[in-house]
Amino acid sequence: MTLPPSDFPGDPYGFVTSQCGHACIGLAGTLLIWPWWGWWAVWTVPLWYFLGWEIGVQRGRLIRDSLHDTAHVLAGSGVIAAALSYGHLAALAVAAAEFAALMIGAWRRS
């Protein structure tokens, strides 16, 4: 069973929790393949997610939502990649950008 794609109009809490989940997918996926793929993992994990889930399972319905979800997977990948490559301050900078994107998205839905 799959959930229908949604960009959570009028539901800021649903938007934030969904996109945080997508960021965690990127973070965990990148952490798992980083030792073998290095910086390529930052782009590979979101690409696999987009092709495997958004296109393969969801069949590309509501493409704007698919691209938005994939962008948050990329942000999660960026946080862990920055932490592994440049340290905690770089990871905080990427996480701050993700936080800003989440807050803007929540504000637009309130």
PDB file of N, CA and C in Angstrom:
ATOM      1  N   MET A   1       0.834  -1.178   0.000  1.00  0.00           N
ATOM      2  CA  MET A   1       0.000   0.000   0.000  1.00  0.00           C
ATOM      3  C   MET A   1       0.880   1.244   0.000  1.00  0.00           C
ATOM      4  N   THR A   2       0.552   2.189  -0.836  1.00  0.00           N
ATOM      5  CA  THR A   2       1.289   3.437  -0.856  1.00  0.00           C
ATOM      6  C   THR A   2       0.358   4.581  -0.498  1.00  0.00           C
ATOM      7  N   LEU A   3       0.933   5.605   0.066  1.00  0.00           N
ATOM      8  CA  LEU A   3       0.161   6.797   0.361  1.00  0.00           C
ATOM      9  C   LEU A   3       0.025   7.613  -0.916  1.00  0.00           C
ATOM     10  N   PRO A   4      -1.115   8.248  -1.104  1.00  0.00           N
ATOM     11  CA  PRO A   4      -1.249   9.095  -2.291  1.00  0.00           C
ATOM     12  C   PRO A   4      -0.320  10.303  -2.164  1.00  0.00           C
ATOM     13  N   PRO A   5       0.259  10.755  -3.271  1.00  0.00           N
ATOM     14  CA  PRO A   5       1.131  11.929  -3.190  1.00  0.00           C
ATOM     15  C   PRO A   5       0.335  13.149  -2.733  1.00  0.00           C
ATOM     16  N   SER A   6       0.963  13.972  -1.928  1.00  0.00           N
ATOM     17  CA  SER A   6       0.308  15.177  -1.430  1.00  0.00           C
ATOM     18  C   SER A   6       1.348  16.234  -1.132  1.00  0.00           C
ATOM     19  N   ASP A   7       1.006  17.488  -1.431  1.00  0.00           N
ATOM     20  CA  ASP A   7       1.887  18.581  -1.037  1.00  0.00           C
ATOM     21  C   ASP A   7       1.322  19.306   0.185  1.00  0.00           C
ATOM     22  N   PHE A   8       0.352  18.689   0.864  1.00  0.00           N
ATOM     23  CA  PHE A   8      -0.201  19.134   2.136  1.00  0.00           C
ATOM     24  C   PHE A   8      -0.721  20.572   2.113  1.00  0.00           C
ATOM     25  N   PRO A   9      -1.636  20.888   1.200  1.00  0.00           N
ATOM     26  CA  PRO A   9      -2.212  22.238   1.213  1.00  0.00           C
ATOM     27  C   PRO A   9      -3.023  22.460   2.498  1.00  0.00           C
ATOM     28  N   GLY A  10      -2.763  23.544   3.192  1.00  0.00           N
ATOM     29  CA  GLY A  10      -3.479  23.866   4.418  1.00  0.00           C
ATOM     30  C   GLY A  10      -3.076  23.034   5.628  1.00  0.00           C
ATOM     31  N   ASP A  11      -1.985  22.276   5.535  1.00  0.00           N
ATOM     32  CA  ASP A  11      -1.552  21.409   6.634  1.00  0.00           C
ATOM     33  C   ASP A  11      -0.050  21.580   6.883  1.00  0.00           C
ATOM     34  N   PRO A  12       0.338  22.646   7.600  1.00  0.00           N
ATOM     35  CA  PRO A  12       1.769  22.875   7.811  1.00  0.00           C
ATOM     36  C   PRO A  12       2.453  21.757   8.603  1.00  0.00           C
ATOM     37  N   TYR A  13       1.760  21.161   9.576  1.00  0.00           N
ATOM     38  CA  TYR A  13       2.359  20.082  10.359  1.00  0.00           C
ATOM     39  C   TYR A  13       2.623  18.861   9.481  1.00  0.00           C
ATOM     40  N   GLY A  14       1.659  18.510   8.664  1.00  0.00           N
ATOM     41  CA  GLY A  14       1.840  17.378   7.752  1.00  0.00           C
ATOM     42  C   GLY A  14       2.995  17.610   6.800  1.00  0.00           C
ATOM     43  N   PHE A  15       3.121  18.847   6.304  1.00  0.00           N
ATOM     44  CA  PHE A  15       4.221  19.187   5.395  1.00  0.00           C
ATOM     45  C   PHE A  15       5.570  19.017   6.085  1.00  0.00           C
ATOM     46  N   VAL A  16       5.711  19.605   7.281  1.00  0.00           N
ATOM     47  CA  VAL A  16       7.004  19.565   7.977  1.00  0.00           C
ATOM     48  C   VAL A  16       7.390  18.132   8.332  1.00  0.00           C
ATOM     49  N   THR A  17       6.452  17.351   8.853  1.00  0.00           N
ATOM     50  CA  THR A  17       6.795  15.977   9.225  1.00  0.00           C
ATOM     51  C   THR A  17       7.128  15.129   8.002  1.00  0.00           C
ATOM     52  N   SER A  18       6.412  15.340   6.917  1.00  0.00           N
ATOM     53  CA  SER A  18       6.709  14.592   5.691  1.00  0.00           C
ATOM     54  C   SER A  18       8.095  14.925   5.156  1.00  0.00           C
ATOM     55  N   GLN A  19       8.411  16.208   5.099  1.00  0.00           N
ATOM     56  CA  GLN A  19       9.694  16.609   4.536  1.00  0.00           C
ATOM     57  C   GLN A  19      10.858  16.266   5.462  1.00  0.00           C
ATOM     58  N   CYS A  20      10.632  16.277   6.761  1.00  0.00           N
ATOM     59  CA  CYS A  20      11.685  15.806   7.679  1.00  0.00           C
ATOM     60  C   CYS A  20      11.950  14.323   7.450  1.00  0.00           C
ATOM     61  N   GLY A  21      10.906  13.568   7.196  1.00  0.00           N
ATOM     62  CA  GLY A  21      11.081  12.152   6.868  1.00  0.00           C
ATOM     63  C   GLY A  21      11.875  11.962   5.592  1.00  0.00           C
ATOM     64  N   HIS A  22      11.612  12.793   4.595  1.00  0.00           N
ATOM     65  CA  HIS A  22      12.374  12.703   3.347  1.00  0.00           C
ATOM     66  C   HIS A  22      13.844  13.063   3.576  1.00  0.00           C
ATOM     67  N   ALA A  23      14.095  14.071   4.412  1.00  0.00           N
ATOM     68  CA  ALA A  23      15.480  14.429   4.725  1.00  0.00           C
ATOM     69  C   ALA A  23      16.191  13.285   5.436  1.00  0.00           C
ATOM     70  N   CYS A  24      15.479  12.574   6.305  1.00  0.00           N
ATOM     71  CA  CYS A  24      16.078  11.427   7.000  1.00  0.00           C
ATOM     72  C   CYS A  24      16.410  10.298   6.031  1.00  0.00           C
ATOM     73  N   ILE A  25      15.600  10.121   5.003  1.00  0.00           N
ATOM     74  CA  ILE A  25      15.914   9.126   3.971  1.00  0.00           C
ATOM     75  C   ILE A  25      17.251   9.474   3.314  1.00  0.00           C
ATOM     76  N   GLY A  26      17.419  10.737   2.954  1.00  0.00           N
ATOM     77  CA  GLY A  26      18.675  11.165   2.335  1.00  0.00           C
ATOM     78  C   GLY A  26      19.856  11.028   3.273  1.00  0.00           C
ATOM     79  N   LEU A  27      19.659  11.396   4.528  1.00  0.00           N
ATOM     80  CA  LEU A  27      20.734  11.310   5.507  1.00  0.00           C
ATOM     81  C   LEU A  27      21.166   9.855   5.706  1.00  0.00           C
ATOM     82  N   ALA A  28      20.204   8.975   5.943  1.00  0.00           N
ATOM     83  CA  ALA A  28      20.535   7.559   6.202  1.00  0.00           C
ATOM     84  C   ALA A  28      21.116   6.883   4.961  1.00  0.00           C
ATOM     85  N   GLY A  29      20.522   7.147   3.808  1.00  0.00           N
ATOM     86  CA  GLY A  29      21.023   6.525   2.575  1.00  0.00           C
ATOM     87  C   GLY A  29      22.439   6.951   2.250  1.00  0.00           C
ATOM     88  N   THR A  30      22.710   8.220   2.413  1.00  0.00           N
ATOM     89  CA  THR A  30      24.053   8.717   2.141  1.00  0.00           C
ATOM     90  C   THR A  30      25.057   8.166   3.141  1.00  0.00           C
ATOM     91  N   LEU A  31      24.676   8.104   4.402  1.00  0.00           N
ATOM     92  CA  LEU A  31      25.564   7.556   5.418  1.00  0.00           C
ATOM     93  C   LEU A  31      25.914   6.096   5.119  1.00  0.00           C
ATOM     94  N   LEU A  32      24.947   5.344   4.609  1.00  0.00           N
ATOM     95  CA  LEU A  32      25.190   3.934   4.315  1.00  0.00           C
ATOM     96  C   LEU A  32      26.166   3.711   3.158  1.00  0.00           C
ATOM     97  N   ILE A  33      26.057   4.520   2.102  1.00  0.00           N
ATOM     98  CA  ILE A  33      26.912   4.259   0.936  1.00  0.00           C
ATOM     99  C   ILE A  33      28.128   5.183   0.849  1.00  0.00           C
ATOM    100  N   TRP A  34      28.255   6.122   1.776  1.00  0.00           N
ATOM    101  CA  TRP A  34      29.367   7.078   1.746  1.00  0.00           C
ATOM    102  C   TRP A  34      30.743   6.411   1.671  1.00  0.00           C
ATOM    103  N   PRO A  35      31.024   5.364   2.456  1.00  0.00           N
ATOM    104  CA  PRO A  35      32.375   4.781   2.421  1.00  0.00           C
ATOM    105  C   PRO A  35      32.800   4.297   1.034  1.00  0.00           C
ATOM    106  N   TRP A  36      31.859   3.908   0.208  1.00  0.00           N
ATOM    107  CA  TRP A  36      32.195   3.395  -1.124  1.00  0.00           C
ATOM    108  C   TRP A  36      32.004   4.433  -2.221  1.00  0.00           C
ATOM    109  N   TRP A  37      31.039   5.342  -2.061  1.00  0.00           N
ATOM    110  CA  TRP A  37      30.694   6.281  -3.130  1.00  0.00           C
ATOM    111  C   TRP A  37      31.242   7.682  -2.897  1.00  0.00           C
ATOM    112  N   GLY A  38      31.553   8.030  -1.668  1.00  0.00           N
ATOM    113  CA  GLY A  38      32.045   9.375  -1.380  1.00  0.00           C
ATOM    114  C   GLY A  38      31.024  10.430  -1.772  1.00  0.00           C
ATOM    115  N   TRP A  39      31.517  11.524  -2.351  1.00  0.00           N
ATOM    116  CA  TRP A  39      30.627  12.631  -2.714  1.00  0.00           C
ATOM    117  C   TRP A  39      29.570  12.247  -3.741  1.00  0.00           C
ATOM    118  N   TRP A  40      29.795  11.193  -4.489  1.00  0.00           N
ATOM    119  CA  TRP A  40      28.770  10.749  -5.448  1.00  0.00           C
ATOM    120  C   TRP A  40      27.495  10.340  -4.729  1.00  0.00           C
ATOM    121  N   ALA A  41      27.607   9.937  -3.478  1.00  0.00           N
ATOM    122  CA  ALA A  41      26.425   9.522  -2.707  1.00  0.00           C
ATOM    123  C   ALA A  41      25.422  10.656  -2.559  1.00  0.00           C
ATOM    124  N   VAL A  42      25.919  11.901  -2.503  1.00  0.00           N
ATOM    125  CA  VAL A  42      25.032  13.046  -2.328  1.00  0.00           C
ATOM    126  C   VAL A  42      24.034  13.145  -3.478  1.00  0.00           C
ATOM    127  N   TRP A  43      24.461  12.802  -4.663  1.00  0.00           N
ATOM    128  CA  TRP A  43      23.567  12.869  -5.833  1.00  0.00           C
ATOM    129  C   TRP A  43      22.917  11.529  -6.122  1.00  0.00           C
ATOM    130  N   THR A  44      23.576  10.445  -5.764  1.00  0.00           N
ATOM    131  CA  THR A  44      23.064   9.108  -6.070  1.00  0.00           C
ATOM    132  C   THR A  44      21.829   8.761  -5.252  1.00  0.00           C
ATOM    133  N   VAL A  45      21.852   9.046  -3.972  1.00  0.00           N
ATOM    134  CA  VAL A  45      20.717   8.697  -3.111  1.00  0.00           C
ATOM    135  C   VAL A  45      19.442   9.419  -3.551  1.00  0.00           C
ATOM    136  N   PRO A  46      19.463  10.738  -3.780  1.00  0.00           N
ATOM    137  CA  PRO A  46      18.237  11.385  -4.263  1.00  0.00           C
ATOM    138  C   PRO A  46      17.798  10.880  -5.641  1.00  0.00           C
ATOM    139  N   LEU A  47      18.760  10.561  -6.499  1.00  0.00           N
ATOM    140  CA  LEU A  47      18.401  10.034  -7.813  1.00  0.00           C
ATOM    141  C   LEU A  47      17.728   8.675  -7.688  1.00  0.00           C
ATOM    142  N   TRP A  48      18.296   7.796  -6.868  1.00  0.00           N
ATOM    143  CA  TRP A  48      17.673   6.485  -6.626  1.00  0.00           C
ATOM    144  C   TRP A  48      16.286   6.654  -6.027  1.00  0.00           C
ATOM    145  N   TYR A  49      16.159   7.573  -5.086  1.00  0.00           N
ATOM    146  CA  TYR A  49      14.856   7.822  -4.472  1.00  0.00           C
ATOM    147  C   TYR A  49      13.846   8.269  -5.527  1.00  0.00           C
ATOM    148  N   PHE A  50      14.239   9.242  -6.333  1.00  0.00           N
ATOM    149  CA  PHE A  50      13.326   9.789  -7.335  1.00  0.00           C
ATOM    150  C   PHE A  50      12.905   8.723  -8.345  1.00  0.00           C
ATOM    151  N   LEU A  51      13.879   7.996  -8.868  1.00  0.00           N
ATOM    152  CA  LEU A  51      13.547   6.980  -9.867  1.00  0.00           C
ATOM    153  C   LEU A  51      12.825   5.787  -9.253  1.00  0.00           C
ATOM    154  N   GLY A  52      13.271   5.341  -8.084  1.00  0.00           N
ATOM    155  CA  GLY A  52      12.695   4.158  -7.469  1.00  0.00           C
ATOM    156  C   GLY A  52      11.326   4.382  -6.851  1.00  0.00           C
ATOM    157  N   TRP A  53      11.196   5.464  -6.085  1.00  0.00           N
ATOM    158  CA  TRP A  53       9.938   5.683  -5.388  1.00  0.00           C
ATOM    159  C   TRP A  53       8.995   6.604  -6.154  1.00  0.00           C
ATOM    160  N   GLU A  54       9.459   7.800  -6.446  1.00  0.00           N
ATOM    161  CA  GLU A  54       8.559   8.786  -7.049  1.00  0.00           C
ATOM    162  C   GLU A  54       8.097   8.385  -8.453  1.00  0.00           C
ATOM    163  N   ILE A  55       9.005   7.828  -9.233  1.00  0.00           N
ATOM    164  CA  ILE A  55       8.616   7.406 -10.588  1.00  0.00           C
ATOM    165  C   ILE A  55       8.175   5.943 -10.587  1.00  0.00           C
ATOM    166  N   GLY A  56       8.943   5.073  -9.961  1.00  0.00           N
ATOM    167  CA  GLY A  56       8.636   3.650  -9.988  1.00  0.00           C
ATOM    168  C   GLY A  56       7.373   3.270  -9.247  1.00  0.00           C
ATOM    169  N   VAL A  57       7.204   3.775  -8.032  1.00  0.00           N
ATOM    170  CA  VAL A  57       6.051   3.390  -7.217  1.00  0.00           C
ATOM    171  C   VAL A  57       4.892   4.369  -7.380  1.00  0.00           C
ATOM    172  N   GLN A  58       5.180   5.658  -7.250  1.00  0.00           N
ATOM    173  CA  GLN A  58       4.121   6.668  -7.342  1.00  0.00           C
ATOM    174  C   GLN A  58       3.728   6.986  -8.791  1.00  0.00           C
ATOM    175  N   ARG A  59       4.490   6.504  -9.734  1.00  0.00           N
ATOM    176  CA  ARG A  59       4.216   6.682 -11.168  1.00  0.00           C
ATOM    177  C   ARG A  59       4.215   8.149 -11.610  1.00  0.00           C
ATOM    178  N   GLY A  60       4.962   8.995 -10.880  1.00  0.00           N
ATOM    179  CA  GLY A  60       5.116  10.382 -11.292  1.00  0.00           C
ATOM    180  C   GLY A  60       3.877  11.235 -11.127  1.00  0.00           C
ATOM    181  N   ARG A  61       2.886  10.746 -10.374  1.00  0.00           N
ATOM    182  CA  ARG A  61       1.697  11.568 -10.123  1.00  0.00           C
ATOM    183  C   ARG A  61       2.105  12.765  -9.282  1.00  0.00           C
ATOM    184  N   LEU A  62       1.512  13.878  -9.532  1.00  0.00           N
ATOM    185  CA  LEU A  62       1.793  15.126  -8.815  1.00  0.00           C
ATOM    186  C   LEU A  62       3.309  15.404  -8.818  1.00  0.00           C
ATOM    187  N   ILE A  63       3.842  15.664 -10.012  1.00  0.00           N
ATOM    188  CA  ILE A  63       5.289  15.777 -10.214  1.00  0.00           C
ATOM    189  C   ILE A  63       5.900  16.894  -9.369  1.00  0.00           C
ATOM    190  N   ARG A  64       5.155  17.971  -9.120  1.00  0.00           N
ATOM    191  CA  ARG A  64       5.689  19.047  -8.281  1.00  0.00           C
ATOM    192  C   ARG A  64       6.008  18.521  -6.878  1.00  0.00           C
ATOM    193  N   ASP A  65       5.116  17.704  -6.341  1.00  0.00           N
ATOM    194  CA  ASP A  65       5.360  17.102  -5.029  1.00  0.00           C
ATOM    195  C   ASP A  65       6.552  16.151  -5.086  1.00  0.00           C
ATOM    196  N   SER A  66       6.680  15.400  -6.173  1.00  0.00           N
ATOM    197  CA  SER A  66       7.812  14.476  -6.322  1.00  0.00           C
ATOM    198  C   SER A  66       9.138  15.219  -6.310  1.00  0.00           C
ATOM    199  N   LEU A  67       9.209  16.327  -7.022  1.00  0.00           N
ATOM    200  CA  LEU A  67      10.445  17.112  -7.068  1.00  0.00           C
ATOM    201  C   LEU A  67      10.740  17.748  -5.709  1.00  0.00           C
ATOM    202  N   HIS A  68       9.697  18.202  -5.043  1.00  0.00           N
ATOM    203  CA  HIS A  68       9.867  18.810  -3.722  1.00  0.00           C
ATOM    204  C   HIS A  68      10.377  17.773  -2.727  1.00  0.00           C
ATOM    205  N   ASP A  69       9.791  16.578  -2.741  1.00  0.00           N
ATOM    206  CA  ASP A  69      10.247  15.507  -1.854  1.00  0.00           C
ATOM    207  C   ASP A  69      11.700  15.148  -2.129  1.00  0.00           C
ATOM    208  N   THR A  70      12.057  15.063  -3.394  1.00  0.00           N
ATOM    209  CA  THR A  70      13.429  14.718  -3.767  1.00  0.00           C
ATOM    210  C   THR A  70      14.408  15.798  -3.331  1.00  0.00           C
ATOM    211  N   ALA A  71      13.985  17.065  -3.377  1.00  0.00           N
ATOM    212  CA  ALA A  71      14.855  18.151  -2.909  1.00  0.00           C
ATOM    213  C   ALA A  71      15.163  18.000  -1.421  1.00  0.00           C
ATOM    214  N   HIS A  72      14.196  17.542  -0.647  1.00  0.00           N
ATOM    215  CA  HIS A  72      14.444  17.347   0.783  1.00  0.00           C
ATOM    216  C   HIS A  72      15.300  16.111   1.033  1.00  0.00           C
ATOM    217  N   VAL A  73      15.179  15.096   0.197  1.00  0.00           N
ATOM    218  CA  VAL A  73      16.105  13.955   0.283  1.00  0.00           C
ATOM    219  C   VAL A  73      17.532  14.454   0.011  1.00  0.00           C
ATOM    220  N   LEU A  74      17.682  15.311  -0.989  1.00  0.00           N
ATOM    221  CA  LEU A  74      18.988  15.899  -1.308  1.00  0.00           C
ATOM    222  C   LEU A  74      19.521  16.717  -0.132  1.00  0.00           C
ATOM    223  N   ALA A  75      18.651  17.459   0.530  1.00  0.00           N
ATOM    224  CA  ALA A  75      19.093  18.249   1.686  1.00  0.00           C
ATOM    225  C   ALA A  75      19.611  17.341   2.803  1.00  0.00           C
ATOM    226  N   GLY A  76      18.917  16.248   3.052  1.00  0.00           N
ATOM    227  CA  GLY A  76      19.397  15.298   4.058  1.00  0.00           C
ATOM    228  C   GLY A  76      20.744  14.713   3.679  1.00  0.00           C
ATOM    229  N   SER A  77      20.915  14.414   2.394  1.00  0.00           N
ATOM    230  CA  SER A  77      22.205  13.922   1.907  1.00  0.00           C
ATOM    231  C   SER A  77      23.292  14.968   2.125  1.00  0.00           C
ATOM    232  N   GLY A  78      22.945  16.210   1.885  1.00  0.00           N
ATOM    233  CA  GLY A  78      23.914  17.287   2.046  1.00  0.00           C
ATOM    234  C   GLY A  78      24.363  17.483   3.474  1.00  0.00           C
ATOM    235  N   VAL A  79      23.453  17.303   4.423  1.00  0.00           N
ATOM    236  CA  VAL A  79      23.811  17.466   5.840  1.00  0.00           C
ATOM    237  C   VAL A  79      24.880  16.458   6.237  1.00  0.00           C
ATOM    238  N   ILE A  80      24.657  15.192   5.926  1.00  0.00           N
ATOM    239  CA  ILE A  80      25.625  14.171   6.349  1.00  0.00           C
ATOM    240  C   ILE A  80      26.926  14.286   5.556  1.00  0.00           C
ATOM    241  N   ALA A  81      26.831  14.637   4.280  1.00  0.00           N
ATOM    242  CA  ALA A  81      28.043  14.798   3.478  1.00  0.00           C
ATOM    243  C   ALA A  81      28.895  15.958   4.002  1.00  0.00           C
ATOM    244  N   ALA A  82      28.224  17.057   4.368  1.00  0.00           N
ATOM    245  CA  ALA A  82      28.957  18.202   4.923  1.00  0.00           C
ATOM    246  C   ALA A  82      29.616  17.821   6.249  1.00  0.00           C
ATOM    247  N   ALA A  83      28.899  17.061   7.076  1.00  0.00           N
ATOM    248  CA  ALA A  83      29.458  16.645   8.362  1.00  0.00           C
ATOM    249  C   ALA A  83      30.668  15.743   8.171  1.00  0.00           C
ATOM    250  N   LEU A  84      30.580  14.804   7.240  1.00  0.00           N
ATOM    251  CA  LEU A  84      31.683  13.864   7.023  1.00  0.00           C
ATOM    252  C   LEU A  84      32.879  14.511   6.333  1.00  0.00           C
ATOM    253  N   SER A  85      32.629  15.530   5.538  1.00  0.00           N
ATOM    254  CA  SER A  85      33.720  16.148   4.779  1.00  0.00           C
ATOM    255  C   SER A  85      34.309  17.382   5.439  1.00  0.00           C
ATOM    256  N   TYR A  86      33.462  18.213   6.017  1.00  0.00           N
ATOM    257  CA  TYR A  86      33.929  19.518   6.488  1.00  0.00           C
ATOM    258  C   TYR A  86      33.712  19.770   7.973  1.00  0.00           C
ATOM    259  N   GLY A  87      33.003  18.887   8.651  1.00  0.00           N
ATOM    260  CA  GLY A  87      32.805  19.060  10.086  1.00  0.00           C
ATOM    261  C   GLY A  87      31.418  19.554  10.448  1.00  0.00           C
ATOM    262  N   HIS A  88      31.242  19.742  11.752  1.00  0.00           N
ATOM    263  CA  HIS A  88      29.914  20.045  12.258  1.00  0.00           C
ATOM    264  C   HIS A  88      29.400  21.421  11.868  1.00  0.00           C
ATOM    265  N   LEU A  89      30.276  22.403  11.685  1.00  0.00           N
ATOM    266  CA  LEU A  89      29.796  23.736  11.310  1.00  0.00           C
ATOM    267  C   LEU A  89      29.201  23.739   9.900  1.00  0.00           C
ATOM    268  N   ALA A  90      29.813  23.001   9.006  1.00  0.00           N
ATOM    269  CA  ALA A  90      29.264  22.897   7.652  1.00  0.00           C
ATOM    270  C   ALA A  90      27.925  22.164   7.682  1.00  0.00           C
ATOM    271  N   ALA A  91      27.838  21.117   8.478  1.00  0.00           N
ATOM    272  CA  ALA A  91      26.572  20.388   8.601  1.00  0.00           C
ATOM    273  C   ALA A  91      25.485  21.286   9.184  1.00  0.00           C
ATOM    274  N   LEU A  92      25.833  22.120  10.158  1.00  0.00           N
ATOM    275  CA  LEU A  92      24.862  23.054  10.723  1.00  0.00           C
ATOM    276  C   LEU A  92      24.393  24.068   9.693  1.00  0.00           C
ATOM    277  N   ALA A  93      25.283  24.499   8.824  1.00  0.00           N
ATOM    278  CA  ALA A  93      24.895  25.449   7.781  1.00  0.00           C
ATOM    279  C   ALA A  93      23.896  24.827   6.813  1.00  0.00           C
ATOM    280  N   VAL A  94      24.154  23.594   6.405  1.00  0.00           N
ATOM    281  CA  VAL A  94      23.220  22.914   5.500  1.00  0.00           C
ATOM    282  C   VAL A  94      21.903  22.642   6.219  1.00  0.00           C
ATOM    283  N   ALA A  95      21.973  22.233   7.471  1.00  0.00           N
ATOM    284  CA  ALA A  95      20.754  21.985   8.248  1.00  0.00           C
ATOM    285  C   ALA A  95      19.953  23.271   8.442  1.00  0.00           C
ATOM    286  N   ALA A  96      20.633  24.398   8.594  1.00  0.00           N
ATOM    287  CA  ALA A  96      19.940  25.678   8.731  1.00  0.00           C
ATOM    288  C   ALA A  96      19.203  26.040   7.441  1.00  0.00           C
ATOM    289  N   ALA A  97      19.801  25.733   6.304  1.00  0.00           N
ATOM    290  CA  ALA A  97      19.124  25.978   5.026  1.00  0.00           C
ATOM    291  C   ALA A  97      17.893  25.079   4.900  1.00  0.00           C
ATOM    292  N   GLU A  98      18.006  23.831   5.322  1.00  0.00           N
ATOM    293  CA  GLU A  98      16.861  22.912   5.306  1.00  0.00           C
ATOM    294  C   GLU A  98      15.770  23.419   6.251  1.00  0.00           C
ATOM    295  N   PHE A  99      16.164  23.892   7.427  1.00  0.00           N
ATOM    296  CA  PHE A  99      15.200  24.432   8.377  1.00  0.00           C
ATOM    297  C   PHE A  99      14.460  25.625   7.772  1.00  0.00           C
ATOM    298  N   ALA A 100      15.184  26.496   7.101  1.00  0.00           N
ATOM    299  CA  ALA A 100      14.546  27.654   6.463  1.00  0.00           C
ATOM    300  C   ALA A 100      13.549  27.207   5.396  1.00  0.00           C
ATOM    301  N   ALA A 101      13.924  26.203   4.602  1.00  0.00           N
ATOM    302  CA  ALA A 101      13.003  25.689   3.581  1.00  0.00           C
ATOM    303  C   ALA A 101      11.756  25.091   4.225  1.00  0.00           C
ATOM    304  N   LEU A 102      11.928  24.385   5.334  1.00  0.00           N
ATOM    305  CA  LEU A 102      10.782  23.818   6.039  1.00  0.00           C
ATOM    306  C   LEU A 102       9.872  24.904   6.596  1.00  0.00           C
ATOM    307  N   MET A 103      10.448  25.944   7.168  1.00  0.00           N
ATOM    308  CA  MET A 103       9.638  27.009   7.752  1.00  0.00           C
ATOM    309  C   MET A 103       8.894  27.801   6.678  1.00  0.00           C
ATOM    310  N   ILE A 104       9.537  28.045   5.546  1.00  0.00           N
ATOM    311  CA  ILE A 104       8.859  28.736   4.447  1.00  0.00           C
ATOM    312  C   ILE A 104       7.708  27.879   3.925  1.00  0.00           C
ATOM    313  N   GLY A 105       7.948  26.590   3.776  1.00  0.00           N
ATOM    314  CA  GLY A 105       6.890  25.696   3.324  1.00  0.00           C
ATOM    315  C   GLY A 105       5.730  25.640   4.305  1.00  0.00           C
ATOM    316  N   ALA A 106       6.037  25.601   5.600  1.00  0.00           N
ATOM    317  CA  ALA A 106       4.977  25.584   6.613  1.00  0.00           C
ATOM    318  C   ALA A 106       4.195  26.885   6.597  1.00  0.00           C
ATOM    319  N   TRP A 107       4.902  27.993   6.482  1.00  0.00           N
ATOM    320  CA  TRP A 107       4.250  29.306   6.434  1.00  0.00           C
ATOM    321  C   TRP A 107       3.318  29.406   5.229  1.00  0.00           C
ATOM    322  N   ARG A 108       3.749  28.904   4.087  1.00  0.00           N
ATOM    323  CA  ARG A 108       2.904  28.948   2.881  1.00  0.00           C
ATOM    324  C   ARG A 108       1.642  28.108   3.038  1.00  0.00           C
ATOM    325  N   ARG A 109       1.680  27.101   3.892  1.00  0.00           N
ATOM    326  CA  ARG A 109       0.522  26.222   4.065  1.00  0.00           C
ATOM    327  C   ARG A 109      -0.374  26.625   5.239  1.00  0.00           C
ATOM    328  N   SER A 110       0.032  27.630   5.982  1.00  0.00           N
ATOM    329  CA  SER A 110      -0.793  28.024   7.142  1.00  0.00           C
ATOM    330  C   SER A 110      -1.823  29.082   6.768  1.00  0.00           C
TER     331      SER A 110
END
